[in-house]
Amino acid sequence: MTLFPQGADWARARDAAGLETNSHEDMHAGELETSILLHVTPSVVQPGNETADHIAGDRTHMLSLGLAKYTSTGVVGRPSLGTADKGARAITNFVDGFASYYGVLTR
């Protein structure tokens, strides 16, 4: 069994994709997730994502209060920066990165 992707895998994929946001400000429905969806299945990305950016920097009590206390739309990030090309690069990086995990599982 393996857990993938882990934090370092996400960081490498973000770098490979050339994302402008970091993992804290781009937590949910932001640049990374929108990019992946635009690449894999663009029909699920709702119109208006270009103007739906929402930064919720201090989320100290999110696990206690829930995401709704920090965003009314579910977005914490910058979906306006998402592109299909960034999504393709992130997915390619994830696939390539999984090789080492697969190697451990198949020894």
PDB file of N, CA and C in Angstrom:
ATOM      1  N   MET A   1       0.841  -1.165   0.000  1.00  0.00           N
ATOM      2  CA  MET A   1       0.000   0.000   0.000  1.00  0.00           C
ATOM      3  C   MET A   1       0.893   1.236   0.000  1.00  0.00           C
ATOM      4  N   THR A   2       0.438   2.280  -0.679  1.00  0.00           N
ATOM      5  CA  THR A   2       1.157   3.551  -0.663  1.00  0.00           C
ATOM      6  C   THR A   2       0.159   4.698  -0.618  1.00  0.00           C
ATOM      7  N   LEU A   3       0.604   5.798  -0.093  1.00  0.00           N
ATOM      8  CA  LEU A   3      -0.187   7.019  -0.131  1.00  0.00           C
ATOM      9  C   LEU A   3       0.447   7.937  -1.155  1.00  0.00           C
ATOM     10  N   PHE A   4      -0.287   8.284  -2.175  1.00  0.00           N
ATOM     11  CA  PHE A   4       0.231   9.119  -3.253  1.00  0.00           C
ATOM     12  C   PHE A   4      -0.896   9.964  -3.793  1.00  0.00           C
ATOM     13  N   PRO A   5      -0.678  11.207  -4.055  1.00  0.00           N
ATOM     14  CA  PRO A   5       0.545  11.963  -3.849  1.00  0.00           C
ATOM     15  C   PRO A   5       0.667  12.474  -2.423  1.00  0.00           C
ATOM     16  N   GLN A   6       1.900  12.612  -1.999  1.00  0.00           N
ATOM     17  CA  GLN A   6       2.212  13.185  -0.691  1.00  0.00           C
ATOM     18  C   GLN A   6       2.608  14.650  -0.885  1.00  0.00           C
ATOM     19  N   GLY A   7       2.873  15.344   0.203  1.00  0.00           N
ATOM     20  CA  GLY A   7       3.166  16.777   0.132  1.00  0.00           C
ATOM     21  C   GLY A   7       4.262  17.134  -0.850  1.00  0.00           C
ATOM     22  N   ALA A   8       5.365  16.402  -0.820  1.00  0.00           N
ATOM     23  CA  ALA A   8       6.471  16.696  -1.730  1.00  0.00           C
ATOM     24  C   ALA A   8       6.075  16.444  -3.184  1.00  0.00           C
ATOM     25  N   ASP A   9       5.222  15.450  -3.428  1.00  0.00           N
ATOM     26  CA  ASP A   9       4.750  15.165  -4.788  1.00  0.00           C
ATOM     27  C   ASP A   9       3.902  16.318  -5.314  1.00  0.00           C
ATOM     28  N   TRP A  10       3.035  16.848  -4.444  1.00  0.00           N
ATOM     29  CA  TRP A  10       2.221  18.005  -4.828  1.00  0.00           C
ATOM     30  C   TRP A  10       3.116  19.193  -5.152  1.00  0.00           C
ATOM     31  N   ALA A  11       4.141  19.405  -4.333  1.00  0.00           N
ATOM     32  CA  ALA A  11       5.046  20.535  -4.549  1.00  0.00           C
ATOM     33  C   ALA A  11       5.776  20.403  -5.884  1.00  0.00           C
ATOM     34  N   ARG A  12       6.248  19.206  -6.198  1.00  0.00           N
ATOM     35  CA  ARG A  12       6.931  18.989  -7.483  1.00  0.00           C
ATOM     36  C   ARG A  12       5.984  19.214  -8.656  1.00  0.00           C
ATOM     37  N   ALA A  13       4.753  18.746  -8.532  1.00  0.00           N
ATOM     38  CA  ALA A  13       3.779  18.931  -9.613  1.00  0.00           C
ATOM     39  C   ALA A  13       3.458  20.416  -9.803  1.00  0.00           C
ATOM     40  N   ARG A  14       3.333  21.141  -8.711  1.00  0.00           N
ATOM     41  CA  ARG A  14       3.081  22.593  -8.792  1.00  0.00           C
ATOM     42  C   ARG A  14       4.226  23.281  -9.532  1.00  0.00           C
ATOM     43  N   ASP A  15       5.469  22.913  -9.177  1.00  0.00           N
ATOM     44  CA  ASP A  15       6.629  23.508  -9.841  1.00  0.00           C
ATOM     45  C   ASP A  15       6.672  23.140 -11.322  1.00  0.00           C
ATOM     46  N   ALA A  16       6.451  21.867 -11.623  1.00  0.00           N
ATOM     47  CA  ALA A  16       6.497  21.403 -13.014  1.00  0.00           C
ATOM     48  C   ALA A  16       5.435  22.083 -13.873  1.00  0.00           C
ATOM     49  N   ALA A  17       4.297  22.373 -13.264  1.00  0.00           N
ATOM     50  CA  ALA A  17       3.200  23.002 -14.006  1.00  0.00           C
ATOM     51  C   ALA A  17       3.395  24.506 -14.159  1.00  0.00           C
ATOM     52  N   GLY A  18       4.318  25.068 -13.393  1.00  0.00           N
ATOM     53  CA  GLY A  18       4.547  26.508 -13.464  1.00  0.00           C
ATOM     54  C   GLY A  18       3.458  27.318 -12.793  1.00  0.00           C
ATOM     55  N   LEU A  19       2.908  26.789 -11.698  1.00  0.00           N
ATOM     56  CA  LEU A  19       1.830  27.490 -11.013  1.00  0.00           C
ATOM     57  C   LEU A  19       2.348  28.755 -10.341  1.00  0.00           C
ATOM     58  N   GLU A  20       1.501  29.765 -10.298  1.00  0.00           N
ATOM     59  CA  GLU A  20       1.842  31.035  -9.674  1.00  0.00           C
ATOM     60  C   GLU A  20       1.510  31.045  -8.183  1.00  0.00           C
ATOM     61  N   THR A  21       0.567  30.225  -7.776  1.00  0.00           N
ATOM     62  CA  THR A  21       0.117  30.208  -6.387  1.00  0.00           C
ATOM     63  C   THR A  21       0.869  29.147  -5.597  1.00  0.00           C
ATOM     64  N   ASN A  22       0.855  29.317  -4.273  1.00  0.00           N
ATOM     65  CA  ASN A  22       1.458  28.290  -3.422  1.00  0.00           C
ATOM     66  C   ASN A  22       0.352  27.398  -2.854  1.00  0.00           C
ATOM     67  N   SER A  23       0.757  26.346  -2.180  1.00  0.00           N
ATOM     68  CA  SER A  23      -0.229  25.363  -1.705  1.00  0.00           C
ATOM     69  C   SER A  23      -1.117  25.900  -0.593  1.00  0.00           C
ATOM     70  N   HIS A  24      -0.683  26.913   0.136  1.00  0.00           N
ATOM     71  CA  HIS A  24      -1.537  27.461   1.188  1.00  0.00           C
ATOM     72  C   HIS A  24      -2.634  28.348   0.596  1.00  0.00           C
ATOM     73  N   GLU A  25      -2.254  29.276  -0.269  1.00  0.00           N
ATOM     74  CA  GLU A  25      -3.278  30.172  -0.805  1.00  0.00           C
ATOM     75  C   GLU A  25      -4.182  29.467  -1.819  1.00  0.00           C
ATOM     76  N   ASP A  26      -3.713  28.390  -2.404  1.00  0.00           N
ATOM     77  CA  ASP A  26      -4.457  27.666  -3.439  1.00  0.00           C
ATOM     78  C   ASP A  26      -4.927  26.336  -2.874  1.00  0.00           C
ATOM     79  N   MET A  27      -5.880  26.393  -1.943  1.00  0.00           N
ATOM     80  CA  MET A  27      -6.248  25.202  -1.198  1.00  0.00           C
ATOM     81  C   MET A  27      -7.362  24.370  -1.838  1.00  0.00           C
ATOM     82  N   HIS A  28      -8.366  25.014  -2.412  1.00  0.00           N
ATOM     83  CA  HIS A  28      -9.502  24.257  -2.941  1.00  0.00           C
ATOM     84  C   HIS A  28     -10.148  25.018  -4.096  1.00  0.00           C
ATOM     85  N   ALA A  29     -10.286  24.332  -5.220  1.00  0.00           N
ATOM     86  CA  ALA A  29     -10.917  24.886  -6.419  1.00  0.00           C
ATOM     87  C   ALA A  29     -10.144  26.075  -6.971  1.00  0.00           C
ATOM     88  N   GLY A  30      -8.829  26.087  -6.732  1.00  0.00           N
ATOM     89  CA  GLY A  30      -7.986  27.178  -7.189  1.00  0.00           C
ATOM     90  C   GLY A  30      -7.243  26.838  -8.468  1.00  0.00           C
ATOM     91  N   GLU A  31      -6.063  27.395  -8.596  1.00  0.00           N
ATOM     92  CA  GLU A  31      -5.268  27.260  -9.820  1.00  0.00           C
ATOM     93  C   GLU A  31      -4.958  25.809 -10.168  1.00  0.00           C
ATOM     94  N   LEU A  32      -4.494  25.023  -9.191  1.00  0.00           N
ATOM     95  CA  LEU A  32      -4.101  23.634  -9.475  1.00  0.00           C
ATOM     96  C   LEU A  32      -5.293  22.771  -9.854  1.00  0.00           C
ATOM     97  N   GLU A  33      -6.312  22.744  -9.030  1.00  0.00           N
ATOM     98  CA  GLU A  33      -7.463  21.881  -9.309  1.00  0.00           C
ATOM     99  C   GLU A  33      -8.179  22.308 -10.586  1.00  0.00           C
ATOM    100  N   THR A  34      -8.310  23.615 -10.805  1.00  0.00           N
ATOM    101  CA  THR A  34      -8.950  24.095 -12.026  1.00  0.00           C
ATOM    102  C   THR A  34      -8.126  23.702 -13.249  1.00  0.00           C
ATOM    103  N   SER A  35      -6.814  23.808 -13.152  1.00  0.00           N
ATOM    104  CA  SER A  35      -5.944  23.425 -14.268  1.00  0.00           C
ATOM    105  C   SER A  35      -6.095  21.950 -14.609  1.00  0.00           C
ATOM    106  N   ILE A  36      -6.102  21.102 -13.586  1.00  0.00           N
ATOM    107  CA  ILE A  36      -6.252  19.663 -13.833  1.00  0.00           C
ATOM    108  C   ILE A  36      -7.597  19.373 -14.493  1.00  0.00           C
ATOM    109  N   LEU A  37      -8.655  19.993 -13.985  1.00  0.00           N
ATOM    110  CA  LEU A  37      -9.973  19.766 -14.581  1.00  0.00           C
ATOM    111  C   LEU A  37     -10.062  20.317 -16.001  1.00  0.00           C
ATOM    112  N   LEU A  38      -9.463  21.460 -16.268  1.00  0.00           N
ATOM    113  CA  LEU A  38      -9.474  22.014 -17.626  1.00  0.00           C
ATOM    114  C   LEU A  38      -8.761  21.087 -18.596  1.00  0.00           C
ATOM    115  N   HIS A  39      -7.765  20.362 -18.104  1.00  0.00           N
ATOM    116  CA  HIS A  39      -7.054  19.402 -18.954  1.00  0.00           C
ATOM    117  C   HIS A  39      -7.835  18.103 -19.127  1.00  0.00           C
ATOM    118  N   VAL A  40      -8.344  17.570 -18.031  1.00  0.00           N
ATOM    119  CA  VAL A  40      -8.951  16.238 -18.048  1.00  0.00           C
ATOM    120  C   VAL A  40     -10.404  16.264 -18.501  1.00  0.00           C
ATOM    121  N   THR A  41     -11.190  17.176 -17.966  1.00  0.00           N
ATOM    122  CA  THR A  41     -12.619  17.220 -18.268  1.00  0.00           C
ATOM    123  C   THR A  41     -13.138  18.658 -18.143  1.00  0.00           C
ATOM    124  N   PRO A  42     -12.840  19.486 -19.125  1.00  0.00           N
ATOM    125  CA  PRO A  42     -13.171  20.913 -19.043  1.00  0.00           C
ATOM    126  C   PRO A  42     -14.661  21.200 -18.880  1.00  0.00           C
ATOM    127  N   SER A  43     -15.506  20.284 -19.240  1.00  0.00           N
ATOM    128  CA  SER A  43     -16.952  20.534 -19.153  1.00  0.00           C
ATOM    129  C   SER A  43     -17.434  20.705 -17.708  1.00  0.00           C
ATOM    130  N   VAL A  44     -16.661  20.248 -16.727  1.00  0.00           N
ATOM    131  CA  VAL A  44     -17.099  20.389 -15.335  1.00  0.00           C
ATOM    132  C   VAL A  44     -16.677  21.717 -14.700  1.00  0.00           C
ATOM    133  N   VAL A  45     -15.851  22.495 -15.401  1.00  0.00           N
ATOM    134  CA  VAL A  45     -15.433  23.794 -14.885  1.00  0.00           C
ATOM    135  C   VAL A  45     -16.530  24.797 -15.212  1.00  0.00           C
ATOM    136  N   GLN A  46     -17.095  25.351 -14.178  1.00  0.00           N
ATOM    137  CA  GLN A  46     -18.245  26.235 -14.341  1.00  0.00           C
ATOM    138  C   GLN A  46     -17.853  27.589 -14.915  1.00  0.00           C
ATOM    139  N   PRO A  47     -18.725  28.159 -15.743  1.00  0.00           N
ATOM    140  CA  PRO A  47     -18.481  29.522 -16.209  1.00  0.00           C
ATOM    141  C   PRO A  47     -18.381  30.460 -15.003  1.00  0.00           C
ATOM    142  N   GLY A  48     -17.527  31.444 -15.105  1.00  0.00           N
ATOM    143  CA  GLY A  48     -17.334  32.373 -14.010  1.00  0.00           C
ATOM    144  C   GLY A  48     -16.114  32.071 -13.182  1.00  0.00           C
ATOM    145  N   ASN A  49     -15.449  30.942 -13.444  1.00  0.00           N
ATOM    146  CA  ASN A  49     -14.257  30.616 -12.668  1.00  0.00           C
ATOM    147  C   ASN A  49     -13.166  31.676 -12.847  1.00  0.00           C
ATOM    148  N   GLU A  50     -13.232  32.410 -13.949  1.00  0.00           N
ATOM    149  CA  GLU A  50     -12.236  33.444 -14.213  1.00  0.00           C
ATOM    150  C   GLU A  50     -12.323  34.606 -13.223  1.00  0.00           C
ATOM    151  N   THR A  51     -13.456  34.747 -12.568  1.00  0.00           N
ATOM    152  CA  THR A  51     -13.645  35.852 -11.617  1.00  0.00           C
ATOM    153  C   THR A  51     -13.985  35.344 -10.214  1.00  0.00           C
ATOM    154  N   ALA A  52     -13.690  34.085  -9.944  1.00  0.00           N
ATOM    155  CA  ALA A  52     -14.081  33.472  -8.670  1.00  0.00           C
ATOM    156  C   ALA A  52     -12.955  33.400  -7.647  1.00  0.00           C
ATOM    157  N   ASP A  53     -11.850  34.093  -7.880  1.00  0.00           N
ATOM    158  CA  ASP A  53     -10.720  34.039  -6.949  1.00  0.00           C
ATOM    159  C   ASP A  53     -11.156  34.447  -5.548  1.00  0.00           C
ATOM    160  N   HIS A  54     -10.660  33.703  -4.576  1.00  0.00           N
ATOM    161  CA  HIS A  54     -10.941  34.027  -3.170  1.00  0.00           C
ATOM    162  C   HIS A  54      -9.757  33.568  -2.330  1.00  0.00           C
ATOM    163  N   ILE A  55      -9.114  34.513  -1.693  1.00  0.00           N
ATOM    164  CA  ILE A  55      -7.977  34.195  -0.824  1.00  0.00           C
ATOM    165  C   ILE A  55      -8.450  34.261   0.626  1.00  0.00           C
ATOM    166  N   ALA A  56      -8.228  33.192   1.340  1.00  0.00           N
ATOM    167  CA  ALA A  56      -8.554  33.129   2.766  1.00  0.00           C
ATOM    168  C   ALA A  56      -7.276  32.725   3.480  1.00  0.00           C
ATOM    169  N   GLY A  57      -6.436  33.706   3.726  1.00  0.00           N
ATOM    170  CA  GLY A  57      -5.100  33.443   4.258  1.00  0.00           C
ATOM    171  C   GLY A  57      -5.076  32.765   5.610  1.00  0.00           C
ATOM    172  N   ASP A  58      -5.776  33.301   6.580  1.00  0.00           N
ATOM    173  CA  ASP A  58      -5.753  32.738   7.924  1.00  0.00           C
ATOM    174  C   ASP A  58      -6.945  31.801   8.106  1.00  0.00           C
ATOM    175  N   ARG A  59      -6.659  30.510   8.101  1.00  0.00           N
ATOM    176  CA  ARG A  59      -7.711  29.501   8.273  1.00  0.00           C
ATOM    177  C   ARG A  59      -7.401  28.656   9.512  1.00  0.00           C
ATOM    178  N   THR A  60      -6.980  29.311  10.575  1.00  0.00           N
ATOM    179  CA  THR A  60      -6.523  28.647  11.786  1.00  0.00           C
ATOM    180  C   THR A  60      -7.526  27.622  12.311  1.00  0.00           C
ATOM    181  N   HIS A  61      -8.796  27.937  12.250  1.00  0.00           N
ATOM    182  CA  HIS A  61      -9.805  27.061  12.858  1.00  0.00           C
ATOM    183  C   HIS A  61     -10.659  26.321  11.828  1.00  0.00           C
ATOM    184  N   MET A  62     -10.123  26.122  10.633  1.00  0.00           N
ATOM    185  CA  MET A  62     -10.910  25.495   9.583  1.00  0.00           C
ATOM    186  C   MET A  62     -11.349  24.078   9.943  1.00  0.00           C
ATOM    187  N   LEU A  63     -10.489  23.310  10.577  1.00  0.00           N
ATOM    188  CA  LEU A  63     -10.877  21.939  10.916  1.00  0.00           C
ATOM    189  C   LEU A  63     -11.988  21.908  11.955  1.00  0.00           C
ATOM    190  N   SER A  64     -12.101  22.965  12.738  1.00  0.00           N
ATOM    191  CA  SER A  64     -13.173  23.044  13.732  1.00  0.00           C
ATOM    192  C   SER A  64     -14.425  23.694  13.167  1.00  0.00           C
ATOM    193  N   LEU A  65     -14.245  24.738  12.368  1.00  0.00           N
ATOM    194  CA  LEU A  65     -15.382  25.515  11.857  1.00  0.00           C
ATOM    195  C   LEU A  65     -15.870  25.084  10.479  1.00  0.00           C
ATOM    196  N   GLY A  66     -15.015  24.407   9.731  1.00  0.00           N
ATOM    197  CA  GLY A  66     -15.373  23.996   8.386  1.00  0.00           C
ATOM    198  C   GLY A  66     -15.008  25.044   7.348  1.00  0.00           C
ATOM    199  N   LEU A  67     -14.964  24.632   6.114  1.00  0.00           N
ATOM    200  CA  LEU A  67     -14.579  25.492   5.000  1.00  0.00           C
ATOM    201  C   LEU A  67     -15.566  26.634   4.783  1.00  0.00           C
ATOM    202  N   ALA A  68     -16.838  26.404   5.045  1.00  0.00           N
ATOM    203  CA  ALA A  68     -17.875  27.421   4.790  1.00  0.00           C
ATOM    204  C   ALA A  68     -17.650  28.707   5.579  1.00  0.00           C
ATOM    205  N   LYS A  69     -16.960  28.633   6.692  1.00  0.00           N
ATOM    206  CA  LYS A  69     -16.674  29.845   7.481  1.00  0.00           C
ATOM    207  C   LYS A  69     -15.632  30.730   6.797  1.00  0.00           C
ATOM    208  N   TYR A  70     -14.934  30.182   5.798  1.00  0.00           N
ATOM    209  CA  TYR A  70     -13.865  30.915   5.134  1.00  0.00           C
ATOM    210  C   TYR A  70     -14.175  31.259   3.682  1.00  0.00           C
ATOM    211  N   THR A  71     -15.199  30.654   3.117  1.00  0.00           N
ATOM    212  CA  THR A  71     -15.565  30.923   1.734  1.00  0.00           C
ATOM    213  C   THR A  71     -17.022  30.546   1.504  1.00  0.00           C
ATOM    214  N   SER A  72     -17.754  31.426   0.871  1.00  0.00           N
ATOM    215  CA  SER A  72     -19.161  31.125   0.589  1.00  0.00           C
ATOM    216  C   SER A  72     -19.328  30.318  -0.696  1.00  0.00           C
ATOM    217  N   THR A  73     -18.276  30.264  -1.525  1.00  0.00           N
ATOM    218  CA  THR A  73     -18.371  29.564  -2.806  1.00  0.00           C
ATOM    219  C   THR A  73     -17.664  28.214  -2.819  1.00  0.00           C
ATOM    220  N   GLY A  74     -16.853  27.957  -1.810  1.00  0.00           N
ATOM    221  CA  GLY A  74     -16.044  26.742  -1.800  1.00  0.00           C
ATOM    222  C   GLY A  74     -14.652  26.968  -2.372  1.00  0.00           C
ATOM    223  N   VAL A  75     -14.428  28.122  -2.983  1.00  0.00           N
ATOM    224  CA  VAL A  75     -13.128  28.428  -3.570  1.00  0.00           C
ATOM    225  C   VAL A  75     -12.218  29.055  -2.523  1.00  0.00           C
ATOM    226  N   VAL A  76     -11.038  28.474  -2.389  1.00  0.00           N
ATOM    227  CA  VAL A  76      -9.943  29.106  -1.661  1.00  0.00           C
ATOM    228  C   VAL A  76      -8.739  28.981  -2.587  1.00  0.00           C
ATOM    229  N   GLY A  77      -8.529  30.017  -3.356  1.00  0.00           N
ATOM    230  CA  GLY A  77      -7.461  30.000  -4.340  1.00  0.00           C
ATOM    231  C   GLY A  77      -7.779  30.919  -5.496  1.00  0.00           C
ATOM    232  N   ARG A  78      -7.043  30.703  -6.581  1.00  0.00           N
ATOM    233  CA  ARG A  78      -7.178  31.568  -7.742  1.00  0.00           C
ATOM    234  C   ARG A  78      -7.477  30.752  -8.999  1.00  0.00           C
ATOM    235  N   PRO A  79      -8.719  30.317  -9.180  1.00  0.00           N
ATOM    236  CA  PRO A  79      -9.057  29.550 -10.372  1.00  0.00           C
ATOM    237  C   PRO A  79      -8.824  30.334 -11.662  1.00  0.00           C
ATOM    238  N   SER A  80      -8.795  31.649 -11.578  1.00  0.00           N
ATOM    239  CA  SER A  80      -8.574  32.463 -12.775  1.00  0.00           C
ATOM    240  C   SER A  80      -7.229  32.181 -13.428  1.00  0.00           C
ATOM    241  N   LEU A  81      -6.284  31.641 -12.671  1.00  0.00           N
ATOM    242  CA  LEU A  81      -4.955  31.345 -13.209  1.00  0.00           C
ATOM    243  C   LEU A  81      -4.865  29.948 -13.822  1.00  0.00           C
ATOM    244  N   GLY A  82      -5.914  29.158 -13.710  1.00  0.00           N
ATOM    245  CA  GLY A  82      -5.888  27.785 -14.211  1.00  0.00           C
ATOM    246  C   GLY A  82      -5.899  27.720 -15.725  1.00  0.00           C
ATOM    247  N   THR A  83      -5.107  26.793 -16.272  1.00  0.00           N
ATOM    248  CA  THR A  83      -5.096  26.527 -17.710  1.00  0.00           C
ATOM    249  C   THR A  83      -4.977  25.026 -17.949  1.00  0.00           C
ATOM    250  N   ALA A  84      -5.460  24.580 -19.081  1.00  0.00           N
ATOM    251  CA  ALA A  84      -5.353  23.162 -19.435  1.00  0.00           C
ATOM    252  C   ALA A  84      -3.892  22.745 -19.562  1.00  0.00           C
ATOM    253  N   ASP A  85      -3.038  23.639 -20.065  1.00  0.00           N
ATOM    254  CA  ASP A  85      -1.623  23.321 -20.210  1.00  0.00           C
ATOM    255  C   ASP A  85      -0.974  23.072 -18.851  1.00  0.00           C
ATOM    256  N   LYS A  86      -1.275  23.896 -17.865  1.00  0.00           N
ATOM    257  CA  LYS A  86      -0.743  23.677 -16.515  1.00  0.00           C
ATOM    258  C   LYS A  86      -1.245  22.340 -15.971  1.00  0.00           C
ATOM    259  N   GLY A  87      -2.506  22.031 -16.229  1.00  0.00           N
ATOM    260  CA  GLY A  87      -3.064  20.758 -15.779  1.00  0.00           C
ATOM    261  C   GLY A  87      -2.357  19.577 -16.412  1.00  0.00           C
ATOM    262  N   ALA A  88      -2.061  19.671 -17.699  1.00  0.00           N
ATOM    263  CA  ALA A  88      -1.354  18.590 -18.394  1.00  0.00           C
ATOM    264  C   ALA A  88       0.034  18.387 -17.799  1.00  0.00           C
ATOM    265  N   ARG A  89       0.728  19.474 -17.515  1.00  0.00           N
ATOM    266  CA  ARG A  89       2.073  19.352 -16.930  1.00  0.00           C
ATOM    267  C   ARG A  89       2.014  18.768 -15.525  1.00  0.00           C
ATOM    268  N   ALA A  90       1.011  19.150 -14.739  1.00  0.00           N
ATOM    269  CA  ALA A  90       0.873  18.597 -13.384  1.00  0.00           C
ATOM    270  C   ALA A  90       0.593  17.098 -13.438  1.00  0.00           C
ATOM    271  N   ILE A  91      -0.342  16.694 -14.289  1.00  0.00           N
ATOM    272  CA  ILE A  91      -0.689  15.273 -14.414  1.00  0.00           C
ATOM    273  C   ILE A  91       0.520  14.464 -14.884  1.00  0.00           C
ATOM    274  N   THR A  92       1.248  14.971 -15.867  1.00  0.00           N
ATOM    275  CA  THR A  92       2.445  14.279 -16.357  1.00  0.00           C
ATOM    276  C   THR A  92       3.443  14.100 -15.230  1.00  0.00           C
ATOM    277  N   ASN A  93       3.626  15.122 -14.412  1.00  0.00           N
ATOM    278  CA  ASN A  93       4.543  15.035 -13.291  1.00  0.00           C
ATOM    279  C   ASN A  93       4.083  14.003 -12.277  1.00  0.00           C
ATOM    280  N   PHE A  94       2.784  13.957 -11.992  1.00  0.00           N
ATOM    281  CA  PHE A  94       2.259  12.946 -11.067  1.00  0.00           C
ATOM    282  C   PHE A  94       2.506  11.535 -11.604  1.00  0.00           C
ATOM    283  N   VAL A  95       2.235  11.326 -12.869  1.00  0.00           N
ATOM    284  CA  VAL A  95       2.432   9.997 -13.472  1.00  0.00           C
ATOM    285  C   VAL A  95       3.900   9.601 -13.391  1.00  0.00           C
ATOM    286  N   ASP A  96       4.787  10.515 -13.785  1.00  0.00           N
ATOM    287  CA  ASP A  96       6.215  10.217 -13.720  1.00  0.00           C
ATOM    288  C   ASP A  96       6.660   9.979 -12.279  1.00  0.00           C
ATOM    289  N   GLY A  97       6.141  10.765 -11.343  1.00  0.00           N
ATOM    290  CA  GLY A  97       6.522  10.647  -9.949  1.00  0.00           C
ATOM    291  C   GLY A  97       6.054   9.365  -9.292  1.00  0.00           C
ATOM    292  N   PHE A  98       4.979   8.800  -9.801  1.00  0.00           N
ATOM    293  CA  PHE A  98       4.466   7.575  -9.199  1.00  0.00           C
ATOM    294  C   PHE A  98       5.379   6.384  -9.468  1.00  0.00           C
ATOM    295  N   ALA A  99       6.242   6.481 -10.443  1.00  0.00           N
ATOM    296  CA  ALA A  99       7.116   5.361 -10.804  1.00  0.00           C
ATOM    297  C   ALA A  99       7.929   4.859  -9.613  1.00  0.00           C
ATOM    298  N   SER A 100       8.459   5.769  -8.808  1.00  0.00           N
ATOM    299  CA  SER A 100       9.271   5.311  -7.672  1.00  0.00           C
ATOM    300  C   SER A 100       8.409   4.589  -6.632  1.00  0.00           C
ATOM    301  N   TYR A 101       7.184   5.055  -6.430  1.00  0.00           N
ATOM    302  CA  TYR A 101       6.271   4.372  -5.491  1.00  0.00           C
ATOM    303  C   TYR A 101       5.927   2.979  -6.036  1.00  0.00           C
ATOM    304  N   TYR A 102       5.666   2.901  -7.317  1.00  0.00           N
ATOM    305  CA  TYR A 102       5.340   1.625  -7.943  1.00  0.00           C
ATOM    306  C   TYR A 102       6.509   0.660  -7.814  1.00  0.00           C
ATOM    307  N   GLY A 103       7.720   1.188  -7.993  1.00  0.00           N
ATOM    308  CA  GLY A 103       8.899   0.334  -7.844  1.00  0.00           C
ATOM    309  C   GLY A 103       9.021  -0.274  -6.463  1.00  0.00           C
ATOM    310  N   VAL A 104       8.695   0.500  -5.449  1.00  0.00           N
ATOM    311  CA  VAL A 104       8.732  -0.015  -4.074  1.00  0.00           C
ATOM    312  C   VAL A 104       7.674  -1.103  -3.891  1.00  0.00           C
ATOM    313  N   LEU A 105       6.506  -0.899  -4.478  1.00  0.00           N
ATOM    314  CA  LEU A 105       5.411  -1.867  -4.312  1.00  0.00           C
ATOM    315  C   LEU A 105       5.663  -3.182  -5.041  1.00  0.00           C
ATOM    316  N   THR A 106       6.474  -3.150  -6.078  1.00  0.00           N
ATOM    317  CA  THR A 106       6.635  -4.346  -6.906  1.00  0.00           C
ATOM    318  C   THR A 106       7.984  -5.036  -6.695  1.00  0.00           C
ATOM    319  N   ARG A 107       8.700  -4.682  -5.668  1.00  0.00           N
ATOM    320  CA  ARG A 107       9.995  -5.351  -5.387  1.00  0.00           C
ATOM    321  C   ARG A 107       9.776  -6.755  -4.932  1.00  0.00           C
TER     322      ARG A 107
END
